Each structure stands twice: as C-alpha cells, then as structure tokens.
C-alpha atoms as a PDB file:
ATOM      1  CA  MET A   1     -16.329 -25.764 -23.987  1.00  0.00           C
ATOM      2  CA  SER A   2     -12.558 -25.839 -24.291  1.00  0.00           C
ATOM      3  CA  ALA A   3     -10.509 -27.664 -21.695  1.00  0.00           C
ATOM      4  CA  PRO A   4      -9.007 -25.594 -18.864  1.00  0.00           C
ATOM      5  CA  PRO A   5      -5.402 -24.566 -19.467  1.00  0.00           C
ATOM      6  CA  LEU A   6      -4.145 -26.672 -16.545  1.00  0.00           C
ATOM      7  CA  ARG A   7      -5.583 -29.416 -14.364  1.00  0.00           C
ATOM      8  CA  LEU A   8      -3.724 -31.506 -11.767  1.00  0.00           C
ATOM      9  CA  GLU A   9      -5.256 -34.377  -9.830  1.00  0.00           C
ATOM     10  CA  ASP A  10      -3.283 -35.951  -6.963  1.00  0.00           C
ATOM     11  CA  ALA A  11      -0.099 -35.159  -8.891  1.00  0.00           C
ATOM     12  CA  SER A  12       3.408 -35.834  -7.616  1.00  0.00           C
ATOM     13  CA  PHE A  13       6.697 -34.526  -8.958  1.00  0.00           C
ATOM     14  CA  GLY A  14      10.364 -34.973  -8.181  1.00  0.00           C
ATOM     15  CA  TYR A  15      13.706 -35.951  -9.634  1.00  0.00           C
ATOM     16  CA  GLY A  16      14.490 -39.566 -10.403  1.00  0.00           C
ATOM     17  CA  ASP A  17      12.976 -41.587  -7.573  1.00  0.00           C
ATOM     18  CA  ARG A  18      13.066 -38.645  -5.148  1.00  0.00           C
ATOM     19  CA  ARG A  19       9.549 -37.316  -4.618  1.00  0.00           C
ATOM     20  CA  ILE A  20       9.510 -33.575  -3.800  1.00  0.00           C
ATOM     21  CA  VAL A  21       5.783 -32.739  -3.916  1.00  0.00           C
ATOM     22  CA  SER A  22       2.790 -35.062  -3.580  1.00  0.00           C
ATOM     23  CA  GLY A  23      -0.985 -34.992  -3.773  1.00  0.00           C
ATOM     24  CA  VAL A  24      -1.332 -31.741  -5.726  1.00  0.00           C
ATOM     25  CA  THR A  25      -4.876 -31.140  -6.958  1.00  0.00           C
ATOM     26  CA  LEU A  26      -5.808 -27.885  -8.659  1.00  0.00           C
ATOM     27  CA  ALA A  27      -7.415 -26.488 -11.796  1.00  0.00           C
ATOM     28  CA  VAL A  28      -6.493 -23.275 -13.574  1.00  0.00           C
ATOM     29  CA  GLU A  29      -9.357 -21.885 -15.626  1.00  0.00           C
ATOM     30  CA  GLU A  30      -9.168 -19.380 -18.489  1.00  0.00           C
ATOM     31  CA  GLY A  31      -8.377 -15.930 -17.108  1.00  0.00           C
ATOM     32  CA  ASP A  32      -7.251 -17.151 -13.682  1.00  0.00           C
ATOM     33  CA  VAL A  33      -4.222 -15.561 -12.053  1.00  0.00           C
ATOM     34  CA  LEU A  34      -3.037 -18.228  -9.642  1.00  0.00           C
ATOM     35  CA  ALA A  35      -0.309 -17.556  -7.087  1.00  0.00           C
ATOM     36  CA  VAL A  36       1.596 -20.633  -5.911  1.00  0.00           C
ATOM     37  CA  LEU A  37       2.886 -19.440  -2.568  1.00  0.00           C
ATOM     38  CA  GLY A  38       5.393 -20.983  -0.204  1.00  0.00           C
ATOM     39  CA  PRO A  39       8.788 -20.560   1.460  1.00  0.00           C
ATOM     40  CA  ASN A  40      12.034 -21.568  -0.170  1.00  0.00           C
ATOM     41  CA  ALA A  41      12.403 -25.355  -0.589  1.00  0.00           C
ATOM     42  CA  SER A  42       8.661 -25.901  -0.033  1.00  0.00           C
ATOM     43  CA  GLY A  43       8.266 -27.567  -3.448  1.00  0.00           C
ATOM     44  CA  LYS A  44       6.330 -24.792  -5.183  1.00  0.00           C
ATOM     45  CA  SER A  45       8.827 -24.414  -8.026  1.00  0.00           C
ATOM     46  CA  THR A  46       8.967 -28.176  -8.496  1.00  0.00           C
ATOM     47  CA  ILE A  47       5.244 -28.146  -9.293  1.00  0.00           C
ATOM     48  CA  VAL A  48       5.666 -25.784 -12.237  1.00  0.00           C
ATOM     49  CA  ARG A  49       8.861 -27.491 -13.316  1.00  0.00           C
ATOM     50  CA  GLY A  50       6.898 -30.734 -13.412  1.00  0.00           C
ATOM     51  CA  VAL A  51       4.198 -29.138 -15.535  1.00  0.00           C
ATOM     52  CA  LEU A  52       6.887 -27.832 -17.886  1.00  0.00           C
ATOM     53  CA  GLY A  53       8.574 -31.224 -18.123  1.00  0.00           C
ATOM     54  CA  LEU A  54      11.672 -30.014 -16.259  1.00  0.00           C
ATOM     55  CA  ALA A  55      10.972 -32.280 -13.268  1.00  0.00           C
ATOM     56  CA  ASP A  56       9.749 -35.887 -13.305  1.00  0.00           C
ATOM     57  CA  HIS A  57       6.021 -36.601 -13.137  1.00  0.00           C
ATOM     58  CA  LEU A  58       5.870 -39.390 -10.544  1.00  0.00           C
ATOM     59  CA  GLY A  59       2.156 -39.884  -9.981  1.00  0.00           C
ATOM     60  CA  GLY A  60      -1.386 -38.644 -10.422  1.00  0.00           C
ATOM     61  CA  SER A  61      -2.662 -36.911 -13.537  1.00  0.00           C
ATOM     62  CA  VAL A  62      -1.661 -33.689 -15.260  1.00  0.00           C
ATOM     63  CA  GLU A  63      -3.573 -32.248 -18.199  1.00  0.00           C
ATOM     64  CA  ILE A  64      -2.483 -29.201 -20.169  1.00  0.00           C
ATOM     65  CA  LEU A  65      -5.134 -27.743 -22.468  1.00  0.00           C
ATOM     66  CA  GLY A  66      -7.008 -31.039 -22.198  1.00  0.00           C
ATOM     67  CA  THR A  67      -4.021 -33.193 -23.167  1.00  0.00           C
ATOM     68  CA  PRO A  68      -2.312 -35.551 -20.686  1.00  0.00           C
ATOM     69  CA  LEU A  69       1.212 -34.364 -19.928  1.00  0.00           C
ATOM     70  CA  ASN A  70       2.855 -37.509 -21.320  1.00  0.00           C
ATOM     71  CA  ARG A  71       1.082 -36.993 -24.672  1.00  0.00           C
ATOM     72  CA  LEU A  72       1.757 -33.301 -25.043  1.00  0.00           C
ATOM     73  CA  LYS A  73       3.809 -32.604 -28.156  1.00  0.00           C
ATOM     74  CA  ASP A  74       3.447 -28.890 -28.818  1.00  0.00           C
ATOM     75  CA  ARG A  75       4.359 -26.746 -25.831  1.00  0.00           C
ATOM     76  CA  ALA A  76       4.124 -23.399 -27.632  1.00  0.00           C
ATOM     77  CA  ASP A  77       0.868 -22.665 -25.825  1.00  0.00           C
ATOM     78  CA  ILE A  78       2.774 -22.586 -22.502  1.00  0.00           C
ATOM     79  CA  GLY A  79       4.786 -19.434 -21.902  1.00  0.00           C
ATOM     80  CA  TYR A  80       7.518 -19.639 -19.273  1.00  0.00           C
ATOM     81  CA  VAL A  81       9.486 -16.929 -17.505  1.00  0.00           C
ATOM     82  CA  PRO A  82      12.275 -18.520 -15.417  1.00  0.00           C
ATOM     83  CA  GLN A  83      13.269 -17.370 -11.953  1.00  0.00           C
ATOM     84  CA  HIS A  84      16.822 -16.404 -12.879  1.00  0.00           C
ATOM     85  CA  HIS A  85      17.069 -14.257 -15.969  1.00  0.00           C
ATOM     86  CA  SER A  86      19.432 -15.647 -18.592  1.00  0.00           C
ATOM     87  CA  LEU A  87      20.064 -12.573 -20.720  1.00  0.00           C
ATOM     88  CA  SER A  88      23.792 -12.638 -21.284  1.00  0.00           C
ATOM     89  CA  THR A  89      25.688  -9.399 -20.886  1.00  0.00           C
ATOM     90  CA  SER A  90      28.406 -10.736 -23.196  1.00  0.00           C
ATOM     91  CA  VAL A  91      26.167 -11.026 -26.266  1.00  0.00           C
ATOM     92  CA  ALA A  92      25.028  -7.898 -28.110  1.00  0.00           C
ATOM     93  CA  ALA A  93      21.274  -8.218 -28.572  1.00  0.00           C
ATOM     94  CA  THR A  94      18.555  -5.609 -28.484  1.00  0.00           C
ATOM     95  CA  VAL A  95      15.270  -5.871 -26.634  1.00  0.00           C
ATOM     96  CA  ARG A  96      13.459  -6.372 -29.944  1.00  0.00           C
ATOM     97  CA  GLU A  97      15.842  -9.157 -31.008  1.00  0.00           C
ATOM     98  CA  VAL A  98      15.397 -11.037 -27.730  1.00  0.00           C
ATOM     99  CA  VAL A  99      11.605 -10.711 -27.808  1.00  0.00           C
ATOM    100  CA  ALA A 100      11.526 -11.766 -31.482  1.00  0.00           C
ATOM    101  CA  ASN A 101      13.001 -15.119 -30.419  1.00  0.00           C
ATOM    102  CA  GLY A 102       9.691 -15.779 -28.724  1.00  0.00           C
ATOM    103  CA  ARG A 103       8.038 -16.072 -32.148  1.00  0.00           C
ATOM    104  CA  LEU A 104      10.228 -19.010 -33.204  1.00  0.00           C
ATOM    105  CA  PRO A 105       7.883 -21.723 -31.822  1.00  0.00           C
ATOM    106  CA  ARG A 106       5.095 -20.300 -34.000  1.00  0.00           C
ATOM    107  CA  ARG A 107       6.826 -20.756 -37.353  1.00  0.00           C
ATOM    108  CA  ARG A 108       9.206 -23.183 -39.003  1.00  0.00           C
ATOM    109  CA  TRP A 109      12.868 -22.447 -38.389  1.00  0.00           C
ATOM    110  CA  TRP A 110      13.571 -21.687 -42.038  1.00  0.00           C
ATOM    111  CA  GLN A 111      10.696 -19.250 -42.522  1.00  0.00           C
ATOM    112  CA  PRO A 112      11.524 -15.527 -42.316  1.00  0.00           C
ATOM    113  CA  SER A 113       9.581 -13.321 -39.938  1.00  0.00           C
ATOM    114  CA  THR A 114       6.480 -11.684 -41.335  1.00  0.00           C
ATOM    115  CA  GLY A 115       4.862  -8.322 -40.793  1.00  0.00           C
ATOM    116  CA  GLU A 116       2.449 -10.052 -38.409  1.00  0.00           C
ATOM    117  CA  ASP A 117       5.370 -11.469 -36.431  1.00  0.00           C
ATOM    118  CA  ARG A 118       6.865  -7.993 -36.102  1.00  0.00           C
ATOM    119  CA  ARG A 119       3.523  -6.545 -35.034  1.00  0.00           C
ATOM    120  CA  ILE A 120       3.146  -9.165 -32.298  1.00  0.00           C
ATOM    121  CA  VAL A 121       6.712  -8.539 -31.080  1.00  0.00           C
ATOM    122  CA  ASP A 122       6.131  -4.781 -30.915  1.00  0.00           C
ATOM    123  CA  GLU A 123       2.850  -5.347 -29.076  1.00  0.00           C
ATOM    124  CA  ALA A 124       4.569  -7.593 -26.505  1.00  0.00           C
ATOM    125  CA  ILE A 125       7.249  -4.961 -25.920  1.00  0.00           C
ATOM    126  CA  GLU A 126       4.612  -2.280 -25.499  1.00  0.00           C
ATOM    127  CA  THR A 127       2.699  -4.456 -23.032  1.00  0.00           C
ATOM    128  CA  VAL A 128       5.681  -4.566 -20.678  1.00  0.00           C
ATOM    129  CA  GLY A 129       6.331  -0.851 -21.036  1.00  0.00           C
ATOM    130  CA  LEU A 130       9.627  -0.991 -22.919  1.00  0.00           C
ATOM    131  CA  SER A 131       8.751   0.473 -26.326  1.00  0.00           C
ATOM    132  CA  ASP A 132      11.214   3.315 -25.763  1.00  0.00           C
ATOM    133  CA  ARG A 133      13.964   0.762 -25.110  1.00  0.00           C
ATOM    134  CA  ALA A 134      13.160  -1.630 -27.986  1.00  0.00           C
ATOM    135  CA  ASP A 135      16.409  -0.956 -29.856  1.00  0.00           C
ATOM    136  CA  GLU A 136      18.612  -0.796 -26.774  1.00  0.00           C
ATOM    137  CA  GLU A 137      20.986  -3.645 -25.881  1.00  0.00           C
ATOM    138  CA  VAL A 138      19.603  -5.745 -23.040  1.00  0.00           C
ATOM    139  CA  SER A 139      22.997  -5.659 -21.304  1.00  0.00           C
ATOM    140  CA  ARG A 140      22.357  -1.988 -20.530  1.00  0.00           C
ATOM    141  CA  LEU A 141      19.038  -2.644 -18.798  1.00  0.00           C
ATOM    142  CA  SER A 142      18.445  -3.100 -15.089  1.00  0.00           C
ATOM    143  CA  GLY A 143      17.540  -6.489 -13.650  1.00  0.00           C
ATOM    144  CA  GLY A 144      13.894  -5.493 -13.377  1.00  0.00           C
ATOM    145  CA  GLN A 145      13.808  -4.347 -16.993  1.00  0.00           C
ATOM    146  CA  GLN A 146      15.449  -7.577 -18.135  1.00  0.00           C
ATOM    147  CA  ARG A 147      12.748  -9.492 -16.277  1.00  0.00           C
ATOM    148  CA  ARG A 148      10.164  -7.546 -18.280  1.00  0.00           C
ATOM    149  CA  VAL A 149      11.998  -8.413 -21.504  1.00  0.00           C
ATOM    150  CA  LEU A 150      11.659 -12.102 -20.619  1.00  0.00           C
ATOM    151  CA  ILE A 151       7.936 -11.647 -20.008  1.00  0.00           C
ATOM    152  CA  ALA A 152       7.619  -9.968 -23.417  1.00  0.00           C
ATOM    153  CA  ARG A 153       9.553 -12.828 -25.033  1.00  0.00           C
ATOM    154  CA  ALA A 154       7.108 -15.322 -23.552  1.00  0.00           C
ATOM    155  CA  LEU A 155       4.129 -13.199 -24.653  1.00  0.00           C
ATOM    156  CA  ALA A 156       5.437 -13.061 -28.227  1.00  0.00           C
ATOM    157  CA  ALA A 157       4.563 -16.745 -28.608  1.00  0.00           C
ATOM    158  CA  GLN A 158       0.931 -15.889 -27.766  1.00  0.00           C
ATOM    159  CA  PRO A 159       0.647 -18.633 -25.122  1.00  0.00           C
ATOM    160  CA  ARG A 160      -2.677 -19.720 -23.641  1.00  0.00           C
ATOM    161  CA  ILE A 161      -1.112 -19.911 -20.197  1.00  0.00           C
ATOM    162  CA  LEU A 162       1.838 -17.949 -18.827  1.00  0.00           C
ATOM    163  CA  ILE A 163       3.919 -19.483 -16.034  1.00  0.00           C
ATOM    164  CA  MET A 164       6.318 -17.287 -14.072  1.00  0.00           C
ATOM    165  CA  ASP A 165       8.746 -18.517 -11.438  1.00  0.00           C
ATOM    166  CA  GLU A 166       9.482 -15.857  -8.794  1.00  0.00           C
ATOM    167  CA  PRO A 167       9.123 -12.846 -11.134  1.00  0.00           C
ATOM    168  CA  THR A 168       9.853 -10.355  -8.338  1.00  0.00           C
ATOM    169  CA  ALA A 169      12.785 -12.215  -6.741  1.00  0.00           C
ATOM    170  CA  GLY A 170      15.951 -10.147  -6.576  1.00  0.00           C
ATOM    171  CA  VAL A 171      14.135  -7.039  -7.832  1.00  0.00           C
ATOM    172  CA  ASP A 172      13.921  -3.899  -5.702  1.00  0.00           C
ATOM    173  CA  TYR A 173      10.514  -2.784  -4.494  1.00  0.00           C
ATOM    174  CA  ALA A 174      10.155   0.038  -7.043  1.00  0.00           C
ATOM    175  CA  ASN A 175      10.681  -2.443  -9.877  1.00  0.00           C
ATOM    176  CA  GLN A 176       8.354  -4.923  -8.192  1.00  0.00           C
ATOM    177  CA  LEU A 177       5.647  -2.273  -8.475  1.00  0.00           C
ATOM    178  CA  VAL A 178       6.393  -1.862 -12.172  1.00  0.00           C
ATOM    179  CA  LEU A 179       6.188  -5.629 -12.666  1.00  0.00           C
ATOM    180  CA  SER A 180       2.928  -5.641 -10.744  1.00  0.00           C
ATOM    181  CA  GLY A 181       1.565  -3.040 -13.147  1.00  0.00           C
ATOM    182  CA  VAL A 182       2.576  -5.184 -16.129  1.00  0.00           C
ATOM    183  CA  LEU A 183       0.951  -8.297 -14.668  1.00  0.00           C
ATOM    184  CA  GLY A 184      -2.137  -6.296 -13.781  1.00  0.00           C
ATOM    185  CA  ARG A 185      -2.488  -5.250 -17.405  1.00  0.00           C
ATOM    186  CA  LEU A 186      -2.139  -8.859 -18.518  1.00  0.00           C
ATOM    187  CA  ALA A 187      -4.744  -9.985 -15.991  1.00  0.00           C
ATOM    188  CA  HIS A 188      -7.135  -7.268 -17.174  1.00  0.00           C
ATOM    189  CA  SER A 189      -6.724  -8.517 -20.759  1.00  0.00           C
ATOM    190  CA  GLY A 190      -7.688 -12.035 -19.666  1.00  0.00           C
ATOM    191  CA  THR A 191      -4.246 -13.660 -19.734  1.00  0.00           C
ATOM    192  CA  THR A 192      -4.161 -16.895 -17.736  1.00  0.00           C
ATOM    193  CA  MET A 193      -1.190 -16.870 -15.371  1.00  0.00           C
ATOM    194  CA  VAL A 194       0.459 -19.090 -12.780  1.00  0.00           C
ATOM    195  CA  ILE A 195       2.870 -17.093 -10.619  1.00  0.00           C
ATOM    196  CA  VAL A 196       5.229 -18.892  -8.267  1.00  0.00           C
ATOM    197  CA  THR A 197       6.320 -16.663  -5.412  1.00  0.00           C
ATOM    198  CA  HIS A 198       7.400 -16.697  -1.779  1.00  0.00           C
ATOM    199  CA  GLU A 199       5.592 -13.426  -1.085  1.00  0.00           C
ATOM    200  CA  LEU A 200       2.537 -11.565  -2.329  1.00  0.00           C
ATOM    201  CA  ASP A 201       3.413  -8.079  -1.172  1.00  0.00           C
ATOM    202  CA  ALA A 202       3.696  -6.460  -4.606  1.00  0.00           C
ATOM    203  CA  LEU A 203       1.290  -8.832  -6.358  1.00  0.00           C
ATOM    204  CA  HIS A 204      -1.693  -8.975  -4.014  1.00  0.00           C
ATOM    205  CA  ASP A 205      -3.869  -6.805  -6.280  1.00  0.00           C
ATOM    206  CA  VAL A 206      -3.178  -9.019  -9.285  1.00  0.00           C
ATOM    207  CA  VAL A 207      -3.880 -12.608  -8.219  1.00  0.00           C
ATOM    208  CA  SER A 208      -7.380 -14.082  -8.126  1.00  0.00           C
ATOM    209  CA  ARG A 209      -6.579 -17.424  -6.495  1.00  0.00           C
ATOM    210  CA  VAL A 210      -3.913 -18.725  -4.123  1.00  0.00           C
ATOM    211  CA  VAL A 211      -2.368 -22.131  -3.515  1.00  0.00           C
ATOM    212  CA  CYS A 212      -0.019 -22.494  -0.535  1.00  0.00           C
ATOM    213  CA  VAL A 213       2.650 -25.183  -0.516  1.00  0.00           C
ATOM    214  CA  SER A 214       4.499 -26.359   2.587  1.00  0.00           C
ATOM    215  CA  ASP A 215       6.810 -29.357   2.987  1.00  0.00           C
ATOM    216  CA  GLY A 216       5.892 -30.737  -0.422  1.00  0.00           C
ATOM    217  CA  ARG A 217       2.108 -30.586  -0.008  1.00  0.00           C
ATOM    218  CA  VAL A 218      -0.664 -28.109  -0.698  1.00  0.00           C
ATOM    219  CA  ASP A 219      -2.078 -26.908   2.623  1.00  0.00           C
ATOM    220  CA  PHE A 220      -4.390 -24.198   1.291  1.00  0.00           C
ATOM    221  CA  ALA A 221      -6.212 -23.560  -1.988  1.00  0.00           C
ATOM    222  CA  GLY A 222      -8.873 -20.947  -2.581  1.00  0.00           C
ATOM    223  CA  THR A 223      -9.839 -17.542  -3.893  1.00  0.00           C
ATOM    224  CA  SER A 224      -8.152 -14.329  -2.848  1.00  0.00           C
ATOM    225  CA  ALA A 225     -11.025 -13.590  -0.454  1.00  0.00           C
ATOM    226  CA  GLU A 226     -10.762 -17.066   1.053  1.00  0.00           C
ATOM    227  CA  TYR A 227      -7.042 -16.548   1.496  1.00  0.00           C
ATOM    228  CA  ASP A 228      -7.706 -13.312   3.386  1.00  0.00           C
ATOM    229  CA  ALA A 229     -10.102 -15.190   5.681  1.00  0.00           C
ATOM    230  CA  HIS A 230      -7.491 -17.918   6.121  1.00  0.00           C
ATOM    231  CA  LEU A 231      -4.924 -15.332   7.209  1.00  0.00           C
ATOM    232  CA  ASP A 232      -7.381 -13.845   9.685  1.00  0.00           C
ATOM    233  CA  ALA A 233      -8.003 -17.313  11.146  1.00  0.00           C
ATOM    234  CA  HIS A 234      -4.269 -18.133  11.298  1.00  0.00           C
ATOM    235  CA  PRO A 235      -2.550 -14.827  12.126  1.00  0.00           C
ATOM    236  CA  SER A 236       0.689 -16.493  13.143  1.00  0.00           C
ATOM    237  CA  GLY A 237       0.845 -18.402   9.857  1.00  0.00           C
ATOM    238  CA  THR A 238       1.500 -22.004   9.018  1.00  0.00           C
ATOM    239  CA  GLY A 239       4.618 -23.256   7.323  1.00  0.00           C
ATOM    240  CA  ASP A 240       6.179 -19.770   7.435  1.00  0.00           C
ATOM    241  CA  HIS A 241       4.428 -18.667   4.275  1.00  0.00           C
ATOM    242  CA  HIS A 242       1.396 -16.728   5.482  1.00  0.00           C
ATOM    243  CA  HIS A 243       3.270 -13.584   6.407  1.00  0.00           C
ATOM    244  CA  ASP A 244       1.895 -11.315   3.692  1.00  0.00           C
ATOM    245  CA  GLU A 245      -0.750  -8.671   3.986  1.00  0.00           C
ATOM    246  CA  PRO A 246      -4.228  -9.940   3.059  1.00  0.00           C
ATOM    247  CA  LEU A 247      -4.915  -9.561  -0.633  1.00  0.00           C
ATOM    248  CA  GLY A 248      -7.861  -7.256  -0.081  1.00  0.00           C
ATOM    249  CA  ARG A 249      -5.840  -4.649   1.826  1.00  0.00           C
ATOM    250  CA  SER A 250      -4.332  -2.492  -0.905  1.00  0.00           C
ATOM    251  CA  ARG A 251      -1.407  -0.250  -0.149  1.00  0.00           C
ATOM    252  CA  SER A 252      -1.520   3.373  -1.177  1.00  0.00           C
ATOM    253  CA  ALA A 253       1.671   2.810  -3.138  1.00  0.00           C
ATOM    254  CA  LEU A 254      -0.295   0.544  -5.479  1.00  0.00           C
ATOM    255  CA  ALA A 255      -3.241   2.886  -5.866  1.00  0.00           C
ATOM    256  CA  SER A 256      -1.905   4.463  -9.049  1.00  0.00           C
ATOM    257  CA  ASP A 257      -0.429   2.840 -12.123  1.00  0.00           C
ATOM    258  CA  PRO A 258       3.236   1.891 -11.402  1.00  0.00           C
ATOM    259  CA  LEU A 259       4.212   2.370 -15.040  1.00  0.00           C
ATOM    260  CA  ASP A 260       2.797   5.876 -14.943  1.00  0.00           C
ATOM    261  CA  GLN A 261       4.741   6.487 -11.732  1.00  0.00           C
ATOM    262  CA  ALA A 262       7.910   5.260 -13.439  1.00  0.00           C
ATOM    263  CA  ALA A 263       7.293   7.515 -16.425  1.00  0.00           C
ATOM    264  CA  THR A 264       7.222  10.601 -14.235  1.00  0.00           C
ATOM    265  CA  GLY A 265      10.179   9.651 -12.093  1.00  0.00           C
ATOM    266  CA  SER A 266      13.453   7.803 -12.518  1.00  0.00           C
ATOM    267  CA  ARG A 267      13.428   4.874 -14.886  1.00  0.00           C
ATOM    268  CA  PRO A 268      13.341   1.423 -13.258  1.00  0.00           C
END
C-alpha cells in the first residue's frame, strides 16, 4: 500500500524560535477532504505553511507521501492555493496562460509544452468551470473567478494532495457556492484535499473530516458526523470556532449544482 499523502505526529511549527502550533497529530488518507477549522490567529494556517516549508518545523514528525519533511526534494505532488490571490492586474495574461504555468514543475524548464500538457491544462480549466473564459485576461475576472484560476493552476500539476488556504475568504456568498461546487467535483473524483478555513458554511457538504485548532493546539479531530455530534454537545462552541451549521444539515441553496445555477443566472 502507498503511504498516506500526509501524516503528522506531535508536530510543532512556528517562525524562528517562536512556536505557534504544538502537538499536532493527524493523518490525511487518499481521497480525504480535511477541513482545518479555527478562528483568525488560531494557528491553522501555520500548520499548512509548515507542511509546505513556509514555516519552521520545530518538533515532532511530518511525512509527505511517506517521505520525512526534511528529506522531501520534489514538491510537485503538493498543490497549493494561497489565501490571497496573486494574479496581477498589471500583467496581461490569459486564464490558459496562468494555468499552463502549473505544468512547469512536471517538465524541465527548457522543454516546450506538449499536446498532453495542453490537454491537462484544458481539463483543469474545465474542472473549475472556466472553459468559456480560457482566453480572457485574468485582470477582467472577478475575485471568485481568479480564485478558481488558481485552483486550476494547482490542478495542472496533477498533485496527489491539494492544499487550500481560506479559499472562500473575501468571496461573496454566491461565488462561495460556485467554489463549493468545484471542490465537490474534485472530492467526487477522489482528489485529496486539505482546506484551511474559519467557517464551513459553504463547504459543509464537501468535507469528510474536520480538525479544529484553537490557541495553537488541535482541540477536535474527527469525521463530519463526529463533528456534528461535537457541535450538539457544545452548542455554545469552544474557542469561537464552532459557530457553523452542522455538516449534515444541508441548506436548500446547496441542493442543486452551483455551477449550473451560475450558468442560468449572472456570471460569478
């Protein structure tokens, strides 16, 4: 059996000698959609930044695809969508050109793109519902659409695990529903995802497991059903991060496909 995409055992992360999160133990198996939930400044983003090598690993063990973090050389199998989109409005680039950059880790810098590369790029764009915008400049897209472009760019590298930091932050609710539809499609296809978020409102039908972080420590870890039971047992919440509706209580607004809704109404 292949190693799980991500395994942490009593891991700690921070910056320099400043420890931000401690004692993190979790495993992400193939096909999991894990939500790392917590309020701002709880340490949830530091966990994924540590996994990505953007924060210091200060203790415990971290394995990515069976390889200890300090021995990991090739990070192409880890897709990352940052919290703040970095698509410059001052540079003329189309959706297809931005997504094509995601293929660079999969070939040598001097090799031209192949027909297979172009097929994978087009497939990634289609997955996020932007095929009709593929040749449009990203500067003309809304914030929610740009977020989807970044997801497609990460998918173009064909990662084994996709890590997203606050994908719905700063996006209006209509576009959150569209993003939820995209992530739902990815989950249905078996994509392994870690989603950092401070709320589960638009994503509660997508995630399969939940980890809650408060004051630099994990204070809950379990399945979606176990999280629902946890909310029922702690209705007032702990650490100000259990304010969402239980995952099992779907809203009627999510009952139909958000991308289909968008196609029949105004574009997000």
